[in-house]
Amino acid sequence: MKDNVLQSKSYAFAIRIIRLVQYLEREKREFVLSNQVKRSGTAIGASIREAEFSESRLDFIHKMRISLKEANETMYWLSLLLDTGYINKRMAASIMEDCRE
């Protein structure tokens, strides 16, 4: 089976998000925003994985659009974490760049 770049990148991104959440909870004692970014950031890859076994072309498109919406929501939470001082500009820029991919 051929490697799926989208699945690989979204899985790696989910791992980055989980590590970010671990940092936020352990070091910053932040639980609300971190839960939101964890939910949306890990849902990107889950939706892409689901699309692989979609029942139709329309179902595939729908699942990929959900993934895009989750990525957009993740960008919102990352921006909020940056603007409230929970993460610094360097950290935010790096994770946001991965999210845009």
Foldseek 3Di string as FASTA:
>chain_A
DDDDPQLVLLVVLLVVLVVLLVCCCPPVVDDPLSVLLNVLSNLLNVLQVVLVPAPDPVRNVVSNVSSVVSLVSNLVSLVVCDVVVVDDPVSSVVSNVSSVD
